[in-house]
C-alpha cells in the first residue's frame, strides 16, 4: 500500500466509525423496553472501525517518522537532540 494513502485511509475509517456510531446512538428511541441485539452488533462494528482507524493512524505516523530518519541518515544530515531547534525555549524563573 502506498505510504501517502495510509493516513487518508485511517482518517476515513475513523470518521466513518465515529459517524456511524453517533448516528446509531441518535436513532435510538428515548424509552427502551428491552436491549437490541442488532444495535449492539452495529455499535461493536462501528467501534472496531474507529479503533482500526486510530491504530492505523499511529502506525502510519511511526512509519513516516522512521522513513524520515532513514532519509536523513542516508543523506548525512543526522542531527543530535541538542542541535535540533527548540519549538518552545525553556524559561527559568
N, C-alpha and C. Protein backbone atom coordinates (compact mmCIF):
# COMPACT_ATOMS: atom_id res chain seq x y z
N UNK A 1 0.85 -1.18 0.00
CA UNK A 1 0.00 0.00 0.00
C UNK A 1 0.89 1.24 0.00
N UNK A 2 0.50 2.24 -0.74
CA UNK A 2 1.27 3.47 -0.85
C UNK A 2 1.31 4.18 0.50
N UNK A 3 2.46 4.70 0.85
CA UNK A 3 2.66 5.32 2.16
C UNK A 3 1.81 6.57 2.34
N UNK A 4 1.52 7.29 1.26
CA UNK A 4 0.75 8.52 1.39
C UNK A 4 -0.74 8.28 1.55
N UNK A 5 -1.24 7.12 1.17
CA UNK A 5 -2.67 6.86 1.30
C UNK A 5 -3.03 6.26 2.64
N UNK A 6 -2.06 5.83 3.43
CA UNK A 6 -2.36 5.23 4.73
C UNK A 6 -3.00 6.23 5.70
N UNK A 7 -2.48 7.46 5.83
CA UNK A 7 -3.17 8.41 6.72
C UNK A 7 -4.57 8.75 6.23
N UNK A 8 -4.78 8.80 4.92
CA UNK A 8 -6.11 9.07 4.39
C UNK A 8 -7.07 7.93 4.72
N UNK A 9 -6.60 6.70 4.58
CA UNK A 9 -7.41 5.55 4.92
C UNK A 9 -7.74 5.54 6.41
N UNK A 10 -6.77 5.90 7.24
CA UNK A 10 -7.01 5.96 8.67
C UNK A 10 -8.06 7.02 9.00
N UNK A 11 -8.00 8.17 8.35
CA UNK A 11 -8.98 9.23 8.60
C UNK A 11 -10.37 8.81 8.16
N UNK A 12 -10.46 8.12 7.02
CA UNK A 12 -11.77 7.66 6.53
C UNK A 12 -12.36 6.62 7.48
N UNK A 13 -11.55 5.65 7.91
CA UNK A 13 -12.04 4.63 8.83
C UNK A 13 -12.51 5.24 10.14
N UNK A 14 -11.71 6.14 10.70
CA UNK A 14 -12.09 6.76 11.97
C UNK A 14 -13.36 7.59 11.81
N UNK A 15 -13.45 8.37 10.74
CA UNK A 15 -14.62 9.22 10.52
C UNK A 15 -15.89 8.40 10.32
N UNK A 16 -15.80 7.36 9.49
CA UNK A 16 -16.98 6.52 9.28
C UNK A 16 -17.37 5.79 10.56
N UNK A 17 -16.39 5.26 11.27
CA UNK A 17 -16.69 4.55 12.52
C UNK A 17 -17.35 5.45 13.54
N UNK A 18 -16.79 6.62 13.76
CA UNK A 18 -17.35 7.55 14.74
C UNK A 18 -18.69 8.10 14.28
N UNK A 19 -18.80 8.44 13.00
CA UNK A 19 -20.05 8.99 12.48
C UNK A 19 -21.20 8.00 12.53
N UNK A 20 -20.94 6.75 12.12
CA UNK A 20 -21.99 5.73 12.16
C UNK A 20 -22.36 5.38 13.60
N UNK A 21 -21.37 5.37 14.48
CA UNK A 21 -21.63 5.13 15.90
C UNK A 21 -22.56 6.21 16.45
N UNK A 22 -22.28 7.46 16.13
CA UNK A 22 -23.11 8.58 16.59
C UNK A 22 -24.51 8.52 15.99
N UNK A 23 -24.59 8.15 14.73
CA UNK A 23 -25.90 8.04 14.07
C UNK A 23 -26.75 6.95 14.71
N UNK A 24 -26.12 5.84 15.05
CA UNK A 24 -26.85 4.75 15.70
C UNK A 24 -27.36 5.18 17.08
N UNK A 25 -26.55 5.90 17.83
CA UNK A 25 -26.97 6.38 19.15
C UNK A 25 -28.10 7.40 18.99
N UNK A 26 -27.99 8.28 18.00
CA UNK A 26 -29.01 9.31 17.79
C UNK A 26 -30.34 8.71 17.34
N UNK A 27 -30.31 7.59 16.63
CA UNK A 27 -31.55 6.98 16.15
C UNK A 27 -32.20 6.05 17.17
N UNK A 28 -31.57 5.89 18.33
CA UNK A 28 -32.14 5.06 19.38
C UNK A 28 -33.30 5.79 20.05
N UNK A 29 -34.44 5.13 20.25
CA UNK A 29 -35.56 5.81 20.91
C UNK A 29 -35.23 6.13 22.37
N UNK A 30 -35.91 7.13 22.90
CA UNK A 30 -35.66 7.56 24.28
C UNK A 30 -36.07 6.51 25.30
N UNK A 31 -37.17 5.84 25.06
CA UNK A 31 -37.68 4.85 26.01
C UNK A 31 -37.47 3.45 25.46
N UNK A 32 -36.48 2.76 25.99
CA UNK A 32 -36.16 1.42 25.54
C UNK A 32 -36.71 0.43 26.56
N UNK A 33 -37.46 -0.55 26.08
CA UNK A 33 -38.02 -1.54 26.99
C UNK A 33 -37.13 -2.77 27.11
N UNK A 34 -36.45 -3.14 26.03
CA UNK A 34 -35.53 -4.28 26.06
C UNK A 34 -34.33 -3.99 25.17
N UNK A 35 -33.18 -4.59 25.48
CA UNK A 35 -31.98 -4.32 24.69
C UNK A 35 -32.09 -4.87 23.27
N UNK A 36 -31.47 -4.18 22.34
CA UNK A 36 -31.49 -4.58 20.93
C UNK A 36 -30.18 -5.26 20.57
N UNK A 37 -30.27 -6.50 20.10
CA UNK A 37 -29.08 -7.25 19.71
C UNK A 37 -28.45 -6.67 18.45
N UNK A 38 -29.29 -6.24 17.52
CA UNK A 38 -28.75 -5.69 16.27
C UNK A 38 -28.02 -4.37 16.52
N UNK A 39 -28.55 -3.56 17.42
CA UNK A 39 -27.90 -2.30 17.74
C UNK A 39 -26.54 -2.55 18.40
N UNK A 40 -26.48 -3.55 19.28
CA UNK A 40 -25.22 -3.89 19.93
C UNK A 40 -24.18 -4.32 18.90
N UNK A 41 -24.60 -5.15 17.95
CA UNK A 41 -23.66 -5.63 16.93
C UNK A 41 -23.19 -4.49 16.03
N UNK A 42 -24.11 -3.60 15.67
CA UNK A 42 -23.72 -2.45 14.84
C UNK A 42 -22.73 -1.55 15.59
N UNK A 43 -23.02 -1.27 16.85
CA UNK A 43 -22.12 -0.42 17.63
C UNK A 43 -20.75 -1.06 17.78
N UNK A 44 -20.71 -2.37 17.93
CA UNK A 44 -19.42 -3.07 18.04
C UNK A 44 -18.60 -2.94 16.75
N UNK A 45 -19.27 -3.08 15.60
CA UNK A 45 -18.57 -2.95 14.31
C UNK A 45 -18.09 -1.51 14.12
N UNK A 46 -18.93 -0.53 14.46
CA UNK A 46 -18.54 0.87 14.29
C UNK A 46 -17.37 1.23 15.21
N UNK A 47 -17.40 0.70 16.43
CA UNK A 47 -16.29 0.95 17.36
C UNK A 47 -15.00 0.30 16.83
N UNK A 48 -15.12 -0.88 16.24
CA UNK A 48 -13.94 -1.54 15.66
C UNK A 48 -13.38 -0.73 14.49
N UNK A 49 -14.25 -0.14 13.66
CA UNK A 49 -13.78 0.71 12.57
C UNK A 49 -13.00 1.91 13.10
N UNK A 50 -13.56 2.58 14.10
CA UNK A 50 -12.88 3.74 14.67
C UNK A 50 -11.56 3.33 15.33
N UNK A 51 -11.55 2.19 15.99
CA UNK A 51 -10.32 1.71 16.64
C UNK A 51 -9.25 1.37 15.60
N UNK A 52 -9.65 0.70 14.54
CA UNK A 52 -8.70 0.34 13.49
C UNK A 52 -8.15 1.59 12.82
N UNK A 53 -8.99 2.60 12.62
CA UNK A 53 -8.52 3.87 12.07
C UNK A 53 -7.50 4.54 12.97
N UNK A 54 -7.74 4.48 14.28
CA UNK A 54 -6.81 5.07 15.24
C UNK A 54 -5.47 4.34 15.23
N UNK A 55 -5.51 3.02 15.23
CA UNK A 55 -4.27 2.23 15.22
C UNK A 55 -3.51 2.43 13.91
N UNK A 56 -4.24 2.49 12.81
CA UNK A 56 -3.60 2.71 11.50
C UNK A 56 -2.96 4.09 11.44
N UNK A 57 -3.58 5.07 12.06
CA UNK A 57 -3.01 6.41 12.11
C UNK A 57 -1.70 6.42 12.89
N UNK A 58 -1.69 5.74 14.03
CA UNK A 58 -0.46 5.65 14.83
C UNK A 58 0.64 4.93 14.06
N UNK A 59 0.28 3.84 13.41
CA UNK A 59 1.27 3.06 12.67
C UNK A 59 1.84 3.86 11.50
N UNK A 60 0.99 4.63 10.83
CA UNK A 60 1.48 5.41 9.69
C UNK A 60 2.39 6.55 10.16
N UNK A 61 2.08 7.15 11.30
CA UNK A 61 2.96 8.21 11.79
C UNK A 61 4.31 7.65 12.22
N UNK A 62 4.32 6.47 12.81
CA UNK A 62 5.59 5.83 13.18
C UNK A 62 6.39 5.47 11.94
N UNK A 63 5.70 4.98 10.92
CA UNK A 63 6.37 4.61 9.67
C UNK A 63 6.96 5.84 8.99
N UNK A 64 6.21 6.95 8.98
CA UNK A 64 6.71 8.18 8.36
C UNK A 64 7.91 8.73 9.12
N UNK A 65 7.85 8.69 10.46
CA UNK A 65 8.97 9.19 11.25
C UNK A 65 10.22 8.35 11.01
N UNK A 66 10.05 7.05 10.92
CA UNK A 66 11.20 6.17 10.67
C UNK A 66 11.76 6.40 9.27
N UNK A 67 10.90 6.62 8.29
CA UNK A 67 11.34 6.86 6.92
C UNK A 67 12.13 8.16 6.83
N UNK A 68 11.65 9.21 7.51
CA UNK A 68 12.36 10.49 7.51
C UNK A 68 13.72 10.34 8.17
N UNK A 69 13.80 9.59 9.27
CA UNK A 69 15.07 9.39 9.96
C UNK A 69 16.04 8.62 9.07
N UNK A 70 15.56 7.64 8.33
CA UNK A 70 16.42 6.88 7.42
C UNK A 70 16.93 7.78 6.30
N UNK A 71 16.05 8.64 5.77
CA UNK A 71 16.48 9.55 4.71
C UNK A 71 17.52 10.55 5.21
N UNK A 72 17.33 11.07 6.43
CA UNK A 72 18.32 12.00 6.99
C UNK A 72 19.67 11.32 7.15
N UNK A 73 19.65 10.10 7.67
CA UNK A 73 20.90 9.37 7.87
C UNK A 73 21.56 9.05 6.54
N UNK A 74 20.77 8.68 5.55
CA UNK A 74 21.32 8.34 4.24
C UNK A 74 21.95 9.56 3.57
N UNK A 75 21.41 10.74 3.84
CA UNK A 75 21.94 11.96 3.24
C UNK A 75 23.06 12.58 4.07
N UNK A 76 23.31 12.01 5.24
CA UNK A 76 24.36 12.54 6.09
C UNK A 76 23.93 13.77 6.87
N UNK A 77 22.64 13.92 7.10
CA UNK A 77 22.13 15.09 7.83
C UNK A 77 21.63 14.63 9.19
N UNK A 78 22.39 13.84 9.85
CA UNK A 78 21.97 13.33 11.15
C UNK A 78 22.17 14.42 12.21
N UNK A 79 21.08 14.81 12.84
CA UNK A 79 21.13 15.84 13.88
C UNK A 79 20.95 15.20 15.25
N UNK A 80 21.77 15.59 16.18
CA UNK A 80 21.56 15.10 17.54
C UNK A 80 20.47 15.94 18.20
N UNK A 81 20.05 15.52 19.36
CA UNK A 81 18.96 16.21 20.06
C UNK A 81 19.34 17.65 20.41
N UNK A 82 20.58 17.87 20.78
CA UNK A 82 21.00 19.23 21.17
C UNK A 82 21.11 20.17 19.98
N UNK A 83 21.26 19.65 18.77
CA UNK A 83 21.39 20.50 17.60
C UNK A 83 20.05 20.86 16.97
N UNK A 84 18.98 20.17 17.36
CA UNK A 84 17.67 20.45 16.78
C UNK A 84 17.11 21.75 17.36
N UNK A 85 16.45 22.55 16.53
CA UNK A 85 15.85 23.78 17.04
C UNK A 85 14.71 23.46 17.99
N UNK A 86 14.60 24.24 19.04
CA UNK A 86 13.56 24.01 20.04
C UNK A 86 12.35 24.85 19.69
N UNK A 87 11.20 24.22 19.77
CA UNK A 87 9.97 24.91 19.46
C UNK A 87 9.60 25.92 20.55
N UNK A 88 9.73 25.50 21.79
CA UNK A 88 9.43 26.38 22.93
C UNK A 88 10.69 26.49 23.78
N UNK A 89 11.31 27.66 23.82
CA UNK A 89 12.52 27.80 24.64
C UNK A 89 12.18 27.69 26.13
N UNK A 90 13.10 27.13 26.87
CA UNK A 90 12.90 26.97 28.29
C UNK A 90 13.13 28.29 29.01
N UNK A 91 12.22 28.67 29.88
CA UNK A 91 12.34 29.90 30.64
C UNK A 91 12.48 29.52 32.11
N UNK A 92 13.62 29.89 32.70
CA UNK A 92 13.86 29.59 34.10
C UNK A 92 13.51 30.82 34.93
N UNK A 93 12.71 30.60 35.94
CA UNK A 93 12.30 31.71 36.81
C UNK A 93 12.99 31.59 38.14
